Amino acid sequence: MEISALNRNLQPVEAAAPVSAVKQPAQARDVVQAVKAVNASEMFGQENELVFQMDRQAKRMVVQIVNRQTKEVISQIPPEYVLRLSEDMKSLEK
C-alpha cells in the first residue's frame, strides 16, 4: 500500500505512527492489514486504492480513494470543503 502526500495540506501517516483513534500498536496493525486487504481485493477497482492520511491544517484523518496511476483523488471523506470550512470556523473563534 502506498501512502504518499497528494496535497500540500496532507501528510502521510506511517503504519506505526500513533493515531488518536488507534492507540494500541496491535490495533494500528489491524487497520493497516484491513486497508491492505481492501486494496488487494480491488474493491474500488483495479486502478484505485484506499489511502488514509492526516490533514495537517485540520489535524484530522482523511480517507481517500486514489487512482494508482495518476494519483488523482477520486473521493475523499471528509471532503476538502468540509475541512476548509472547519478551519474557517476555528479562525472565527479566535
N, C-alpha and C. Protein backbone atom coordinates (compact mmCIF):
# COMPACT_ATOMS: atom_id res chain seq x y z
N MET A 1 0.85 -1.18 0.00
CA MET A 1 0.00 0.00 0.00
C MET A 1 0.89 1.23 0.00
N GLU A 2 0.64 2.11 -0.91
CA GLU A 2 1.42 3.32 -0.99
C GLU A 2 0.71 4.42 -0.23
N ILE A 3 1.44 5.06 0.66
CA ILE A 3 0.88 6.18 1.41
C ILE A 3 1.75 7.38 1.09
N SER A 4 1.23 8.30 0.30
CA SER A 4 2.00 9.47 -0.09
C SER A 4 1.13 10.70 -0.06
N ALA A 5 1.77 11.85 0.14
CA ALA A 5 1.03 13.10 0.18
C ALA A 5 0.55 13.45 -1.22
N LEU A 6 -0.73 13.69 -1.36
CA LEU A 6 -1.32 14.04 -2.64
C LEU A 6 -1.66 15.52 -2.68
N ASN A 7 -1.55 16.17 -1.56
CA ASN A 7 -1.93 17.56 -1.44
C ASN A 7 -0.96 18.18 -0.45
N ARG A 8 -0.60 19.42 -0.66
CA ARG A 8 0.38 20.02 0.24
C ARG A 8 -0.12 20.13 1.68
N ASN A 9 -1.42 20.04 1.87
CA ASN A 9 -2.00 20.10 3.20
C ASN A 9 -2.10 18.73 3.86
N LEU A 10 -1.78 17.69 3.13
CA LEU A 10 -1.90 16.34 3.66
C LEU A 10 -0.52 15.79 3.95
N GLN A 11 -0.44 15.03 5.00
CA GLN A 11 0.81 14.43 5.41
C GLN A 11 0.61 12.93 5.52
N PRO A 12 1.55 12.14 4.96
CA PRO A 12 1.39 10.69 5.03
C PRO A 12 1.35 10.21 6.48
N VAL A 13 0.60 9.18 6.72
CA VAL A 13 0.52 8.58 8.04
C VAL A 13 1.27 7.26 7.98
N GLU A 14 2.28 7.14 8.80
CA GLU A 14 3.05 5.91 8.84
C GLU A 14 2.24 4.84 9.57
N ALA A 15 2.42 3.60 9.18
CA ALA A 15 1.66 2.50 9.77
C ALA A 15 1.88 2.40 11.27
N ALA A 16 3.08 2.68 11.73
CA ALA A 16 3.39 2.52 13.15
C ALA A 16 3.14 3.80 13.94
N ALA A 17 2.79 4.90 13.26
CA ALA A 17 2.57 6.17 13.95
C ALA A 17 1.31 6.09 14.80
N PRO A 18 1.38 6.58 16.04
CA PRO A 18 0.18 6.56 16.87
C PRO A 18 -0.85 7.55 16.35
N VAL A 19 -2.07 7.12 16.28
CA VAL A 19 -3.19 7.95 15.86
C VAL A 19 -4.16 7.97 17.03
N SER A 20 -4.77 9.11 17.29
CA SER A 20 -5.61 9.23 18.48
C SER A 20 -6.70 8.16 18.54
N ALA A 21 -7.30 7.83 17.40
CA ALA A 21 -8.36 6.83 17.40
C ALA A 21 -7.81 5.41 17.51
N VAL A 22 -6.56 5.22 17.13
CA VAL A 22 -5.93 3.90 17.19
C VAL A 22 -4.72 4.03 18.10
N LYS A 23 -4.89 3.70 19.38
CA LYS A 23 -3.84 3.94 20.36
C LYS A 23 -2.91 2.76 20.54
N GLN A 24 -3.38 1.58 20.35
CA GLN A 24 -2.58 0.40 20.59
C GLN A 24 -1.89 -0.05 19.30
N PRO A 25 -0.61 -0.46 19.38
CA PRO A 25 0.09 -0.94 18.20
C PRO A 25 -0.64 -2.10 17.51
N ALA A 26 -1.24 -2.98 18.26
CA ALA A 26 -1.96 -4.10 17.67
C ALA A 26 -3.15 -3.61 16.87
N GLN A 27 -3.84 -2.59 17.36
CA GLN A 27 -4.97 -2.02 16.64
C GLN A 27 -4.49 -1.33 15.36
N ALA A 28 -3.35 -0.64 15.44
CA ALA A 28 -2.80 0.02 14.26
C ALA A 28 -2.45 -1.01 13.20
N ARG A 29 -1.88 -2.13 13.61
CA ARG A 29 -1.56 -3.21 12.66
C ARG A 29 -2.82 -3.75 12.02
N ASP A 30 -3.87 -3.89 12.81
CA ASP A 30 -5.14 -4.39 12.28
C ASP A 30 -5.70 -3.44 11.22
N VAL A 31 -5.60 -2.14 11.45
CA VAL A 31 -6.09 -1.16 10.48
C VAL A 31 -5.26 -1.25 9.20
N VAL A 32 -3.95 -1.32 9.32
CA VAL A 32 -3.08 -1.42 8.15
C VAL A 32 -3.38 -2.69 7.37
N GLN A 33 -3.56 -3.80 8.08
CA GLN A 33 -3.87 -5.06 7.41
C GLN A 33 -5.23 -4.99 6.71
N ALA A 34 -6.19 -4.33 7.33
CA ALA A 34 -7.52 -4.20 6.72
C ALA A 34 -7.44 -3.36 5.44
N VAL A 35 -6.68 -2.27 5.47
CA VAL A 35 -6.53 -1.43 4.28
C VAL A 35 -5.83 -2.23 3.17
N LYS A 36 -4.81 -2.99 3.52
CA LYS A 36 -4.12 -3.82 2.53
C LYS A 36 -5.07 -4.85 1.93
N ALA A 37 -5.91 -5.44 2.76
CA ALA A 37 -6.87 -6.44 2.27
C ALA A 37 -7.88 -5.80 1.33
N VAL A 38 -8.37 -4.61 1.67
CA VAL A 38 -9.32 -3.91 0.81
C VAL A 38 -8.66 -3.59 -0.53
N ASN A 39 -7.43 -3.09 -0.49
CA ASN A 39 -6.73 -2.76 -1.73
C ASN A 39 -6.44 -4.01 -2.56
N ALA A 40 -6.10 -5.11 -1.91
CA ALA A 40 -5.82 -6.36 -2.63
C ALA A 40 -7.09 -6.92 -3.26
N SER A 41 -8.23 -6.69 -2.64
CA SER A 41 -9.50 -7.19 -3.17
C SER A 41 -9.99 -6.40 -4.36
N GLU A 42 -9.33 -5.26 -4.62
CA GLU A 42 -9.72 -4.36 -5.71
C GLU A 42 -11.18 -3.93 -5.60
N MET A 43 -11.61 -3.73 -4.36
CA MET A 43 -12.98 -3.32 -4.09
C MET A 43 -13.33 -2.01 -4.80
N PHE A 44 -12.34 -1.15 -4.99
CA PHE A 44 -12.56 0.13 -5.64
C PHE A 44 -12.07 0.12 -7.09
N GLY A 45 -11.86 -1.08 -7.63
CA GLY A 45 -11.39 -1.24 -9.00
C GLY A 45 -9.89 -1.52 -9.03
N GLN A 46 -9.42 -2.01 -10.14
CA GLN A 46 -8.00 -2.34 -10.28
C GLN A 46 -7.13 -1.10 -10.24
N GLU A 47 -7.66 0.01 -10.71
CA GLU A 47 -6.85 1.21 -10.81
C GLU A 47 -6.89 2.11 -9.58
N ASN A 48 -7.70 1.79 -8.59
CA ASN A 48 -7.86 2.64 -7.40
C ASN A 48 -7.43 1.94 -6.13
N GLU A 49 -7.08 2.75 -5.13
CA GLU A 49 -6.72 2.21 -3.83
C GLU A 49 -7.21 3.11 -2.71
N LEU A 50 -7.34 2.52 -1.54
CA LEU A 50 -7.77 3.22 -0.34
C LEU A 50 -6.53 3.78 0.35
N VAL A 51 -6.59 5.05 0.77
CA VAL A 51 -5.45 5.71 1.41
C VAL A 51 -5.95 6.47 2.63
N PHE A 52 -5.26 6.32 3.75
CA PHE A 52 -5.53 7.10 4.96
C PHE A 52 -4.42 8.12 5.10
N GLN A 53 -4.78 9.39 5.36
CA GLN A 53 -3.78 10.44 5.54
C GLN A 53 -4.25 11.39 6.63
N MET A 54 -3.28 12.13 7.19
CA MET A 54 -3.59 13.14 8.19
C MET A 54 -3.56 14.51 7.51
N ASP A 55 -4.65 15.27 7.63
CA ASP A 55 -4.67 16.64 7.13
C ASP A 55 -3.98 17.51 8.17
N ARG A 56 -2.88 18.15 7.78
CA ARG A 56 -2.09 18.93 8.73
C ARG A 56 -2.84 20.12 9.29
N GLN A 57 -3.57 20.82 8.44
CA GLN A 57 -4.28 22.01 8.92
C GLN A 57 -5.40 21.65 9.87
N ALA A 58 -6.22 20.69 9.49
CA ALA A 58 -7.38 20.32 10.31
C ALA A 58 -7.00 19.35 11.42
N LYS A 59 -5.84 18.74 11.31
CA LYS A 59 -5.39 17.73 12.28
C LYS A 59 -6.44 16.62 12.42
N ARG A 60 -6.92 16.16 11.25
CA ARG A 60 -7.92 15.10 11.20
C ARG A 60 -7.52 14.07 10.18
N MET A 61 -7.97 12.85 10.41
CA MET A 61 -7.73 11.79 9.45
C MET A 61 -8.63 12.00 8.23
N VAL A 62 -8.08 11.69 7.07
CA VAL A 62 -8.80 11.80 5.81
C VAL A 62 -8.68 10.45 5.12
N VAL A 63 -9.80 9.95 4.62
CA VAL A 63 -9.83 8.69 3.88
C VAL A 63 -10.07 9.04 2.42
N GLN A 64 -9.21 8.51 1.55
CA GLN A 64 -9.32 8.83 0.13
C GLN A 64 -9.33 7.57 -0.72
N ILE A 65 -10.02 7.66 -1.85
CA ILE A 65 -9.91 6.68 -2.92
C ILE A 65 -9.06 7.37 -3.98
N VAL A 66 -7.91 6.77 -4.31
CA VAL A 66 -6.93 7.41 -5.19
C VAL A 66 -6.64 6.52 -6.38
N ASN A 67 -6.53 7.13 -7.57
CA ASN A 67 -6.12 6.41 -8.75
C ASN A 67 -4.64 6.08 -8.63
N ARG A 68 -4.27 4.82 -8.73
CA ARG A 68 -2.88 4.39 -8.55
C ARG A 68 -1.94 4.97 -9.60
N GLN A 69 -2.44 5.13 -10.82
CA GLN A 69 -1.59 5.62 -11.91
C GLN A 69 -1.39 7.13 -11.84
N THR A 70 -2.48 7.86 -11.75
CA THR A 70 -2.41 9.33 -11.84
C THR A 70 -2.31 10.01 -10.48
N LYS A 71 -2.57 9.27 -9.40
CA LYS A 71 -2.60 9.81 -8.03
C LYS A 71 -3.73 10.81 -7.84
N GLU A 72 -4.69 10.82 -8.75
CA GLU A 72 -5.85 11.70 -8.64
C GLU A 72 -6.77 11.20 -7.53
N VAL A 73 -7.25 12.12 -6.69
CA VAL A 73 -8.19 11.77 -5.64
C VAL A 73 -9.57 11.63 -6.26
N ILE A 74 -10.11 10.41 -6.21
CA ILE A 74 -11.43 10.13 -6.78
C ILE A 74 -12.52 10.54 -5.80
N SER A 75 -12.30 10.22 -4.53
CA SER A 75 -13.28 10.52 -3.49
C SER A 75 -12.54 10.73 -2.18
N GLN A 76 -13.11 11.54 -1.30
CA GLN A 76 -12.46 11.82 -0.02
C GLN A 76 -13.51 12.01 1.06
N ILE A 77 -13.21 11.47 2.25
CA ILE A 77 -14.06 11.63 3.42
C ILE A 77 -13.19 12.11 4.57
N PRO A 78 -13.48 13.22 5.22
CA PRO A 78 -14.45 14.22 4.83
C PRO A 78 -13.96 14.98 3.60
N PRO A 79 -14.89 15.54 2.83
CA PRO A 79 -14.50 16.28 1.63
C PRO A 79 -13.62 17.49 1.97
N GLU A 80 -12.83 17.91 1.01
CA GLU A 80 -11.91 19.04 1.20
C GLU A 80 -12.64 20.29 1.68
N TYR A 81 -13.82 20.57 1.11
CA TYR A 81 -14.54 21.78 1.50
C TYR A 81 -14.96 21.73 2.97
N VAL A 82 -15.23 20.55 3.50
CA VAL A 82 -15.61 20.42 4.91
C VAL A 82 -14.40 20.72 5.80
N LEU A 83 -13.23 20.22 5.41
CA LEU A 83 -12.01 20.50 6.16
C LEU A 83 -11.71 22.00 6.20
N ARG A 84 -11.84 22.66 5.04
CA ARG A 84 -11.56 24.10 4.98
C ARG A 84 -12.61 24.89 5.74
N LEU A 85 -13.86 24.46 5.67
CA LEU A 85 -14.93 25.13 6.42
C LEU A 85 -14.65 25.04 7.92
N SER A 86 -14.21 23.88 8.36
CA SER A 86 -13.86 23.69 9.75
C SER A 86 -12.73 24.63 10.17
N GLU A 87 -11.73 24.77 9.31
CA GLU A 87 -10.62 25.68 9.60
C GLU A 87 -11.11 27.12 9.66
N ASP A 88 -11.98 27.51 8.74
CA ASP A 88 -12.51 28.87 8.74
C ASP A 88 -13.29 29.15 10.02
N MET A 89 -14.07 28.17 10.46
CA MET A 89 -14.84 28.35 11.70
C MET A 89 -13.93 28.47 12.91
N LYS A 90 -12.85 27.71 12.93
CA LYS A 90 -11.89 27.81 14.04
C LYS A 90 -11.24 29.19 14.07
N SER A 91 -10.92 29.73 12.89
CA SER A 91 -10.28 31.04 12.86
C SER A 91 -11.22 32.14 13.32
N LEU A 92 -12.53 31.98 13.12
CA LEU A 92 -13.51 32.96 13.57
C LEU A 92 -13.64 32.96 15.09
N GLU A 93 -13.36 31.82 15.72
CA GLU A 93 -13.48 31.70 17.18
C GLU A 93 -12.35 32.41 17.91
N LYS A 94 -11.26 32.66 17.22
CA LYS A 94 -10.07 33.26 17.86
C LYS A 94 -10.19 34.75 17.98
